[in-house]
Amino acid sequence: MRALKKFVARRREVQQIYEEFLGNIPGITVHRAPSPEYNSNYWLPAILIDPEISGVSNKDIYKALENDLIESRPLWKPLHLQPVFEKYPFYGDGTSENLFEKGLCLPSGSSVTNDDLIRIINVIKQQIKIENKRSIRLKHFFSKTHKINQTAAIW
């Protein structure tokens, strides 16, 4: 319990970094707290990938991360799509299926390092083939917002 505040703070930092570097990519939506009134611990950051806009699916990004030995996972499969529940009635509007088809949970543990985040973000951007004319220097970002010296860049 003594380390809990530190762990939650790190998860919030990880979320902030995902929002900063993935949040403006066309076809990627970073799940965020609905308003400042919520105080999420960001236990499991999630993104939605719109394949019509990004040109890739959540499965494509999952595979690319896996190929780089980065663990991610799809959003949970809706219960009504699981065999054990197929004989029971379901009432819904397709939201859960849409989230499952487009969602991906990203690494977020308190032990995720800034170097890990650089790798994760770069793999995602490379998969989407983002053409970014300016290099975002993480050294500046991390030293300014997280008091960390980093020299690698996310392009």
N, C-alpha and C. Protein backbone atom coordinates (compact mmCIF):
# COMPACT_ATOMS: atom_id res chain seq x y z
N MET A 1 0.83 -1.20 0.00
CA MET A 1 0.00 0.00 0.00
C MET A 1 0.87 1.26 0.00
N ARG A 2 2.07 1.16 0.55
CA ARG A 2 2.94 2.34 0.59
C ARG A 2 3.35 2.80 -0.80
N ALA A 3 3.44 1.88 -1.71
CA ALA A 3 3.88 2.22 -3.07
C ALA A 3 2.73 2.51 -4.02
N LEU A 4 1.50 2.36 -3.55
CA LEU A 4 0.33 2.50 -4.43
C LEU A 4 0.28 3.84 -5.14
N LYS A 5 0.49 4.92 -4.41
CA LYS A 5 0.43 6.25 -5.03
C LYS A 5 1.46 6.38 -6.15
N LYS A 6 2.63 5.82 -5.93
CA LYS A 6 3.69 5.87 -6.94
C LYS A 6 3.29 5.05 -8.18
N PHE A 7 2.70 3.88 -7.96
CA PHE A 7 2.28 3.03 -9.07
C PHE A 7 1.18 3.69 -9.89
N VAL A 8 0.20 4.26 -9.21
CA VAL A 8 -0.91 4.93 -9.91
C VAL A 8 -0.38 6.16 -10.65
N ALA A 9 0.53 6.90 -10.04
CA ALA A 9 1.11 8.07 -10.71
C ALA A 9 1.81 7.67 -11.99
N ARG A 10 2.53 6.56 -11.95
CA ARG A 10 3.24 6.11 -13.15
C ARG A 10 2.24 5.70 -14.24
N ARG A 11 1.18 5.02 -13.87
CA ARG A 11 0.18 4.63 -14.86
C ARG A 11 -0.48 5.86 -15.49
N ARG A 12 -0.68 6.88 -14.71
CA ARG A 12 -1.24 8.13 -15.25
C ARG A 12 -0.24 8.79 -16.20
N GLU A 13 1.05 8.73 -15.87
CA GLU A 13 2.07 9.25 -16.78
C GLU A 13 2.07 8.49 -18.10
N VAL A 14 1.98 7.16 -18.01
CA VAL A 14 1.95 6.33 -19.22
C VAL A 14 0.75 6.72 -20.08
N GLN A 15 -0.40 6.88 -19.47
CA GLN A 15 -1.60 7.30 -20.19
C GLN A 15 -1.37 8.64 -20.87
N GLN A 16 -0.78 9.58 -20.15
CA GLN A 16 -0.52 10.91 -20.71
C GLN A 16 0.38 10.81 -21.94
N ILE A 17 1.37 9.95 -21.88
CA ILE A 17 2.29 9.77 -23.01
C ILE A 17 1.55 9.17 -24.20
N TYR A 18 0.71 8.15 -23.95
CA TYR A 18 -0.09 7.58 -25.05
C TYR A 18 -0.97 8.66 -25.67
N GLU A 19 -1.62 9.46 -24.84
CA GLU A 19 -2.48 10.52 -25.38
C GLU A 19 -1.67 11.51 -26.20
N GLU A 20 -0.51 11.89 -25.70
CA GLU A 20 0.33 12.88 -26.37
C GLU A 20 0.80 12.39 -27.74
N PHE A 21 1.23 11.14 -27.82
CA PHE A 21 1.88 10.66 -29.03
C PHE A 21 1.00 9.81 -29.95
N LEU A 22 -0.14 9.35 -29.46
CA LEU A 22 -1.04 8.57 -30.30
C LEU A 22 -2.37 9.28 -30.53
N GLY A 23 -2.69 10.25 -29.69
CA GLY A 23 -4.01 10.87 -29.70
C GLY A 23 -4.37 11.66 -30.92
N ASN A 24 -3.38 12.09 -31.69
CA ASN A 24 -3.67 12.90 -32.89
C ASN A 24 -3.50 12.13 -34.18
N ILE A 25 -3.35 10.83 -34.09
CA ILE A 25 -3.17 10.02 -35.29
C ILE A 25 -4.55 9.71 -35.89
N PRO A 26 -4.76 10.05 -37.15
CA PRO A 26 -6.05 9.72 -37.76
C PRO A 26 -6.33 8.22 -37.70
N GLY A 27 -7.50 7.87 -37.21
CA GLY A 27 -7.89 6.47 -37.10
C GLY A 27 -7.58 5.84 -35.76
N ILE A 28 -6.92 6.57 -34.87
CA ILE A 28 -6.62 6.08 -33.52
C ILE A 28 -7.36 6.96 -32.53
N THR A 29 -8.10 6.34 -31.64
CA THR A 29 -8.75 7.05 -30.55
C THR A 29 -8.21 6.48 -29.25
N VAL A 30 -7.63 7.33 -28.43
CA VAL A 30 -7.11 6.91 -27.12
C VAL A 30 -8.25 7.07 -26.12
N HIS A 31 -8.57 5.98 -25.43
CA HIS A 31 -9.63 6.04 -24.42
C HIS A 31 -9.17 6.96 -23.30
N ARG A 32 -10.03 7.88 -22.93
CA ARG A 32 -9.73 8.85 -21.88
C ARG A 32 -10.87 8.87 -20.87
N ALA A 33 -10.59 9.43 -19.73
CA ALA A 33 -11.66 9.65 -18.74
C ALA A 33 -12.67 10.60 -19.37
N PRO A 34 -13.96 10.40 -19.13
CA PRO A 34 -14.98 11.21 -19.80
C PRO A 34 -14.96 12.69 -19.44
N SER A 35 -14.43 13.04 -18.27
CA SER A 35 -14.34 14.44 -17.87
C SER A 35 -13.33 14.55 -16.74
N PRO A 36 -12.91 15.78 -16.43
CA PRO A 36 -11.96 15.97 -15.33
C PRO A 36 -12.51 15.54 -13.96
N GLU A 37 -13.82 15.36 -13.87
CA GLU A 37 -14.41 14.91 -12.61
C GLU A 37 -14.02 13.48 -12.27
N TYR A 38 -13.58 12.71 -13.27
CA TYR A 38 -13.15 11.33 -13.05
C TYR A 38 -11.67 11.33 -12.73
N ASN A 39 -11.27 10.46 -11.84
CA ASN A 39 -9.88 10.36 -11.43
C ASN A 39 -9.40 8.93 -11.68
N SER A 40 -9.26 8.60 -12.95
CA SER A 40 -8.92 7.24 -13.33
C SER A 40 -7.50 6.88 -12.91
N ASN A 41 -7.32 5.62 -12.58
CA ASN A 41 -5.96 5.12 -12.30
C ASN A 41 -5.31 4.60 -13.59
N TYR A 42 -6.04 4.57 -14.68
CA TYR A 42 -5.57 4.10 -15.98
C TYR A 42 -4.88 2.75 -15.87
N TRP A 43 -5.57 1.86 -15.21
CA TRP A 43 -5.09 0.50 -15.02
C TRP A 43 -4.78 -0.17 -16.35
N LEU A 44 -5.61 0.08 -17.35
CA LEU A 44 -5.42 -0.57 -18.64
C LEU A 44 -5.75 0.40 -19.77
N PRO A 45 -4.76 1.13 -20.29
CA PRO A 45 -5.02 2.05 -21.40
C PRO A 45 -5.49 1.29 -22.64
N ALA A 46 -6.44 1.86 -23.32
CA ALA A 46 -6.99 1.22 -24.51
C ALA A 46 -7.07 2.24 -25.64
N ILE A 47 -6.89 1.72 -26.86
CA ILE A 47 -7.08 2.53 -28.05
C ILE A 47 -8.10 1.83 -28.95
N LEU A 48 -8.77 2.62 -29.77
CA LEU A 48 -9.63 2.09 -30.82
C LEU A 48 -8.97 2.42 -32.14
N ILE A 49 -8.93 1.45 -33.03
CA ILE A 49 -8.32 1.61 -34.34
C ILE A 49 -9.42 1.50 -35.39
N ASP A 50 -9.62 2.57 -36.12
CA ASP A 50 -10.59 2.55 -37.21
C ASP A 50 -9.85 2.16 -38.48
N PRO A 51 -10.06 0.94 -38.98
CA PRO A 51 -9.29 0.48 -40.14
C PRO A 51 -9.58 1.26 -41.42
N GLU A 52 -10.75 1.85 -41.52
CA GLU A 52 -11.07 2.62 -42.72
C GLU A 52 -10.27 3.91 -42.79
N ILE A 53 -9.92 4.44 -41.64
CA ILE A 53 -9.14 5.68 -41.60
C ILE A 53 -7.65 5.39 -41.51
N SER A 54 -7.26 4.47 -40.63
CA SER A 54 -5.84 4.20 -40.37
C SER A 54 -5.22 3.26 -41.41
N GLY A 55 -6.04 2.46 -42.06
CA GLY A 55 -5.52 1.50 -43.02
C GLY A 55 -5.06 0.19 -42.39
N VAL A 56 -5.20 0.06 -41.08
CA VAL A 56 -4.82 -1.16 -40.38
C VAL A 56 -5.91 -1.50 -39.35
N SER A 57 -5.92 -2.74 -38.92
CA SER A 57 -6.89 -3.17 -37.92
C SER A 57 -6.21 -3.32 -36.56
N ASN A 58 -7.02 -3.55 -35.54
CA ASN A 58 -6.43 -3.82 -34.22
C ASN A 58 -5.60 -5.09 -34.26
N LYS A 59 -5.99 -6.04 -35.09
CA LYS A 59 -5.22 -7.29 -35.22
C LYS A 59 -3.86 -7.03 -35.87
N ASP A 60 -3.81 -6.12 -36.83
CA ASP A 60 -2.54 -5.77 -37.47
C ASP A 60 -1.57 -5.16 -36.45
N ILE A 61 -2.08 -4.24 -35.65
CA ILE A 61 -1.23 -3.59 -34.65
C ILE A 61 -0.84 -4.59 -33.57
N TYR A 62 -1.78 -5.43 -33.17
CA TYR A 62 -1.48 -6.47 -32.19
C TYR A 62 -0.31 -7.34 -32.67
N LYS A 63 -0.39 -7.79 -33.93
CA LYS A 63 0.66 -8.65 -34.51
C LYS A 63 1.99 -7.91 -34.59
N ALA A 64 1.96 -6.65 -35.00
CA ALA A 64 3.20 -5.87 -35.10
C ALA A 64 3.86 -5.72 -33.73
N LEU A 65 3.05 -5.45 -32.71
CA LEU A 65 3.59 -5.36 -31.35
C LEU A 65 4.15 -6.70 -30.91
N GLU A 66 3.39 -7.76 -31.17
CA GLU A 66 3.83 -9.11 -30.80
C GLU A 66 5.15 -9.47 -31.49
N ASN A 67 5.28 -9.10 -32.76
CA ASN A 67 6.52 -9.38 -33.49
C ASN A 67 7.72 -8.66 -32.89
N ASP A 68 7.45 -7.56 -32.18
CA ASP A 68 8.52 -6.82 -31.51
C ASP A 68 8.59 -7.19 -30.02
N LEU A 69 7.95 -8.31 -29.67
CA LEU A 69 7.94 -8.84 -28.30
C LEU A 69 7.32 -7.86 -27.30
N ILE A 70 6.27 -7.18 -27.76
CA ILE A 70 5.51 -6.26 -26.90
C ILE A 70 4.13 -6.85 -26.70
N GLU A 71 3.77 -7.06 -25.46
CA GLU A 71 2.48 -7.66 -25.15
C GLU A 71 1.37 -6.62 -25.19
N SER A 72 0.31 -6.94 -25.87
CA SER A 72 -0.93 -6.15 -25.87
C SER A 72 -2.06 -7.17 -25.85
N ARG A 73 -3.27 -6.70 -25.84
CA ARG A 73 -4.40 -7.63 -25.86
C ARG A 73 -5.63 -6.94 -26.43
N PRO A 74 -6.47 -7.71 -27.10
CA PRO A 74 -7.72 -7.09 -27.56
C PRO A 74 -8.60 -6.76 -26.36
N LEU A 75 -9.56 -5.89 -26.59
CA LEU A 75 -10.55 -5.65 -25.53
C LEU A 75 -11.30 -6.95 -25.29
N TRP A 76 -11.93 -7.06 -24.16
CA TRP A 76 -12.60 -8.30 -23.80
C TRP A 76 -13.71 -8.65 -24.79
N LYS A 77 -13.77 -9.92 -25.10
CA LYS A 77 -14.80 -10.42 -26.01
C LYS A 77 -16.16 -10.33 -25.29
N PRO A 78 -17.15 -9.76 -25.94
CA PRO A 78 -18.47 -9.65 -25.31
C PRO A 78 -18.99 -11.04 -24.90
N LEU A 79 -19.62 -11.10 -23.76
CA LEU A 79 -20.11 -12.38 -23.23
C LEU A 79 -21.05 -13.08 -24.20
N HIS A 80 -21.93 -12.33 -24.84
CA HIS A 80 -22.92 -12.97 -25.71
C HIS A 80 -22.28 -13.62 -26.94
N LEU A 81 -21.01 -13.31 -27.23
CA LEU A 81 -20.32 -13.94 -28.35
C LEU A 81 -19.53 -15.19 -27.93
N GLN A 82 -19.51 -15.46 -26.65
CA GLN A 82 -18.79 -16.63 -26.16
C GLN A 82 -19.71 -17.85 -26.15
N PRO A 83 -19.18 -19.00 -26.54
CA PRO A 83 -20.02 -20.20 -26.69
C PRO A 83 -20.88 -20.55 -25.47
N VAL A 84 -20.36 -20.34 -24.29
CA VAL A 84 -21.12 -20.72 -23.10
C VAL A 84 -22.42 -19.92 -22.95
N PHE A 85 -22.48 -18.75 -23.57
CA PHE A 85 -23.67 -17.90 -23.45
C PHE A 85 -24.51 -17.82 -24.72
N GLU A 86 -24.15 -18.57 -25.76
CA GLU A 86 -24.83 -18.42 -27.04
C GLU A 86 -26.32 -18.78 -27.01
N LYS A 87 -26.74 -19.60 -26.07
CA LYS A 87 -28.16 -19.99 -26.05
C LYS A 87 -29.03 -19.01 -25.26
N TYR A 88 -28.41 -18.01 -24.67
CA TYR A 88 -29.16 -17.05 -23.86
C TYR A 88 -29.50 -15.81 -24.68
N PRO A 89 -30.61 -15.15 -24.34
CA PRO A 89 -30.99 -13.95 -25.10
C PRO A 89 -29.98 -12.83 -24.86
N PHE A 90 -29.84 -12.00 -25.87
CA PHE A 90 -28.94 -10.85 -25.79
C PHE A 90 -29.70 -9.62 -26.25
N TYR A 91 -29.53 -8.54 -25.52
CA TYR A 91 -30.14 -7.27 -25.87
C TYR A 91 -29.02 -6.24 -25.97
N GLY A 92 -28.79 -5.73 -27.15
CA GLY A 92 -27.71 -4.77 -27.33
C GLY A 92 -27.85 -4.01 -28.62
N ASP A 93 -26.93 -3.10 -28.82
CA ASP A 93 -26.99 -2.24 -30.01
C ASP A 93 -25.74 -2.32 -30.87
N GLY A 94 -24.86 -3.27 -30.60
CA GLY A 94 -23.64 -3.44 -31.39
C GLY A 94 -22.42 -2.72 -30.83
N THR A 95 -22.60 -1.97 -29.75
CA THR A 95 -21.48 -1.22 -29.18
C THR A 95 -20.37 -2.16 -28.71
N SER A 96 -20.72 -3.20 -27.98
CA SER A 96 -19.69 -4.10 -27.45
C SER A 96 -18.94 -4.81 -28.57
N GLU A 97 -19.65 -5.19 -29.62
CA GLU A 97 -19.00 -5.85 -30.76
C GLU A 97 -18.04 -4.89 -31.47
N ASN A 98 -18.46 -3.64 -31.62
CA ASN A 98 -17.62 -2.63 -32.26
C ASN A 98 -16.34 -2.39 -31.45
N LEU A 99 -16.48 -2.28 -30.14
CA LEU A 99 -15.31 -2.08 -29.28
C LEU A 99 -14.36 -3.27 -29.37
N PHE A 100 -14.93 -4.48 -29.39
CA PHE A 100 -14.10 -5.68 -29.47
C PHE A 100 -13.37 -5.75 -30.81
N GLU A 101 -14.04 -5.37 -31.89
CA GLU A 101 -13.44 -5.43 -33.22
C GLU A 101 -12.37 -4.37 -33.44
N LYS A 102 -12.47 -3.24 -32.75
CA LYS A 102 -11.54 -2.13 -32.99
C LYS A 102 -10.58 -1.86 -31.84
N GLY A 103 -10.83 -2.42 -30.66
CA GLY A 103 -10.07 -2.05 -29.48
C GLY A 103 -8.80 -2.85 -29.26
N LEU A 104 -7.85 -2.22 -28.58
CA LEU A 104 -6.60 -2.86 -28.21
C LEU A 104 -6.12 -2.25 -26.90
N CYS A 105 -5.77 -3.10 -25.95
CA CYS A 105 -5.21 -2.66 -24.67
C CYS A 105 -3.70 -2.61 -24.80
N LEU A 106 -3.10 -1.51 -24.36
CA LEU A 106 -1.66 -1.31 -24.47
C LEU A 106 -0.97 -1.53 -23.12
N PRO A 107 0.32 -1.83 -23.15
CA PRO A 107 1.06 -2.02 -21.90
C PRO A 107 0.99 -0.78 -21.02
N SER A 108 0.84 -0.99 -19.72
CA SER A 108 0.68 0.16 -18.84
C SER A 108 1.23 -0.05 -17.44
N GLY A 109 1.82 -1.17 -17.18
CA GLY A 109 2.27 -1.44 -15.81
C GLY A 109 3.21 -0.37 -15.29
N SER A 110 3.29 -0.27 -13.98
CA SER A 110 4.16 0.74 -13.39
C SER A 110 5.62 0.50 -13.73
N SER A 111 5.93 -0.69 -14.22
CA SER A 111 7.31 -0.99 -14.58
C SER A 111 7.60 -0.71 -16.07
N VAL A 112 6.61 -0.24 -16.83
CA VAL A 112 6.84 0.12 -18.22
C VAL A 112 7.77 1.33 -18.23
N THR A 113 8.90 1.18 -18.91
CA THR A 113 9.89 2.26 -18.93
C THR A 113 9.61 3.21 -20.09
N ASN A 114 10.29 4.33 -20.07
CA ASN A 114 10.16 5.27 -21.18
C ASN A 114 10.71 4.67 -22.46
N ASP A 115 11.77 3.88 -22.37
CA ASP A 115 12.28 3.18 -23.56
C ASP A 115 11.22 2.23 -24.10
N ASP A 116 10.49 1.54 -23.21
CA ASP A 116 9.39 0.67 -23.64
C ASP A 116 8.33 1.47 -24.39
N LEU A 117 7.99 2.62 -23.85
CA LEU A 117 6.96 3.46 -24.48
C LEU A 117 7.40 3.94 -25.86
N ILE A 118 8.68 4.27 -25.99
CA ILE A 118 9.21 4.68 -27.28
C ILE A 118 9.03 3.55 -28.29
N ARG A 119 9.37 2.33 -27.89
CA ARG A 119 9.22 1.17 -28.78
C ARG A 119 7.76 0.95 -29.15
N ILE A 120 6.88 0.96 -28.16
CA ILE A 120 5.45 0.72 -28.40
C ILE A 120 4.89 1.74 -29.39
N ILE A 121 5.14 3.01 -29.12
CA ILE A 121 4.60 4.07 -29.96
C ILE A 121 5.19 4.00 -31.37
N ASN A 122 6.47 3.74 -31.47
CA ASN A 122 7.09 3.65 -32.80
C ASN A 122 6.54 2.47 -33.60
N VAL A 123 6.32 1.34 -32.96
CA VAL A 123 5.76 0.18 -33.68
C VAL A 123 4.38 0.52 -34.21
N ILE A 124 3.56 1.17 -33.39
CA ILE A 124 2.21 1.54 -33.83
C ILE A 124 2.29 2.52 -34.99
N LYS A 125 3.12 3.54 -34.86
CA LYS A 125 3.24 4.54 -35.93
C LYS A 125 3.79 3.92 -37.21
N GLN A 126 4.75 3.02 -37.09
CA GLN A 126 5.30 2.37 -38.28
C GLN A 126 4.25 1.50 -38.95
N GLN A 127 3.42 0.85 -38.16
CA GLN A 127 2.37 -0.01 -38.73
C GLN A 127 1.37 0.83 -39.52
N ILE A 128 1.07 2.00 -39.02
CA ILE A 128 0.12 2.88 -39.70
C ILE A 128 0.81 3.66 -40.82
N LYS A 129 2.12 3.61 -40.82
CA LYS A 129 2.92 4.28 -41.85
C LYS A 129 2.69 5.78 -41.83
N ILE A 130 2.82 6.32 -40.65
CA ILE A 130 2.64 7.76 -40.50
C ILE A 130 3.82 8.49 -41.13
N GLU A 131 3.49 9.46 -41.94
CA GLU A 131 4.53 10.32 -42.50
C GLU A 131 4.51 11.60 -41.69
N ASN A 132 5.49 11.74 -40.83
CA ASN A 132 5.58 12.88 -39.94
C ASN A 132 6.81 13.67 -40.35
N LYS A 133 6.64 14.91 -40.77
CA LYS A 133 7.75 15.69 -41.28
C LYS A 133 8.62 16.26 -40.17
N ARG A 134 8.16 16.19 -38.92
CA ARG A 134 8.99 16.71 -37.84
C ARG A 134 9.25 15.61 -36.84
N SER A 135 10.39 15.67 -36.26
CA SER A 135 10.77 14.68 -35.25
C SER A 135 10.42 15.25 -33.89
N ILE A 136 9.71 14.50 -33.11
CA ILE A 136 9.36 14.92 -31.76
C ILE A 136 10.44 14.38 -30.83
N ARG A 137 11.17 15.23 -30.23
CA ARG A 137 12.27 14.80 -29.38
C ARG A 137 11.73 14.44 -28.00
N LEU A 138 11.86 13.18 -27.65
CA LEU A 138 11.37 12.74 -26.34
C LEU A 138 12.22 13.29 -25.22
N LYS A 139 13.45 13.58 -25.50
CA LYS A 139 14.29 14.16 -24.44
C LYS A 139 13.60 15.40 -23.88
N HIS A 140 13.16 16.25 -24.78
CA HIS A 140 12.48 17.48 -24.35
C HIS A 140 11.16 17.15 -23.64
N PHE A 141 10.38 16.27 -24.24
CA PHE A 141 9.08 15.93 -23.65
C PHE A 141 9.25 15.35 -22.26
N PHE A 142 10.11 14.33 -22.13
CA PHE A 142 10.27 13.67 -20.84
C PHE A 142 10.94 14.57 -19.82
N SER A 143 11.92 15.35 -20.23
CA SER A 143 12.60 16.21 -19.26
C SER A 143 11.67 17.31 -18.78
N LYS A 144 10.79 17.76 -19.65
CA LYS A 144 9.86 18.83 -19.28
C LYS A 144 8.72 18.31 -18.40
N THR A 145 8.15 17.16 -18.77
CA THR A 145 6.94 16.70 -18.08
C THR A 145 7.19 15.59 -17.07
N HIS A 146 8.33 14.89 -17.20
CA HIS A 146 8.55 13.74 -16.33
C HIS A 146 9.93 13.75 -15.68
N LYS A 147 10.69 14.83 -15.86
CA LYS A 147 11.99 14.97 -15.22
C LYS A 147 12.90 13.78 -15.50
N ILE A 148 12.93 13.34 -16.74
CA ILE A 148 13.73 12.18 -17.13
C ILE A 148 14.57 12.59 -18.34
N ASN A 149 15.81 12.16 -18.37
CA ASN A 149 16.66 12.44 -19.54
C ASN A 149 16.54 11.28 -20.51
N GLN A 150 15.99 11.54 -21.66
CA GLN A 150 15.88 10.54 -22.72
C GLN A 150 16.43 11.16 -23.99
N THR A 151 17.11 10.36 -24.80
CA THR A 151 17.67 10.89 -26.03
C THR A 151 17.01 10.33 -27.27
N ALA A 152 16.21 9.29 -27.13
CA ALA A 152 15.58 8.69 -28.31
C ALA A 152 14.44 9.57 -28.80
N ALA A 153 14.10 9.40 -30.04
CA ALA A 153 13.03 10.23 -30.63
C ALA A 153 11.91 9.35 -31.14
N ILE A 154 10.72 9.85 -31.01
CA ILE A 154 9.56 9.26 -31.69
C ILE A 154 9.34 10.13 -32.90
N TRP A 155 9.36 9.54 -34.05
CA TRP A 155 9.20 10.32 -35.28
C TRP A 155 7.77 10.57 -35.58
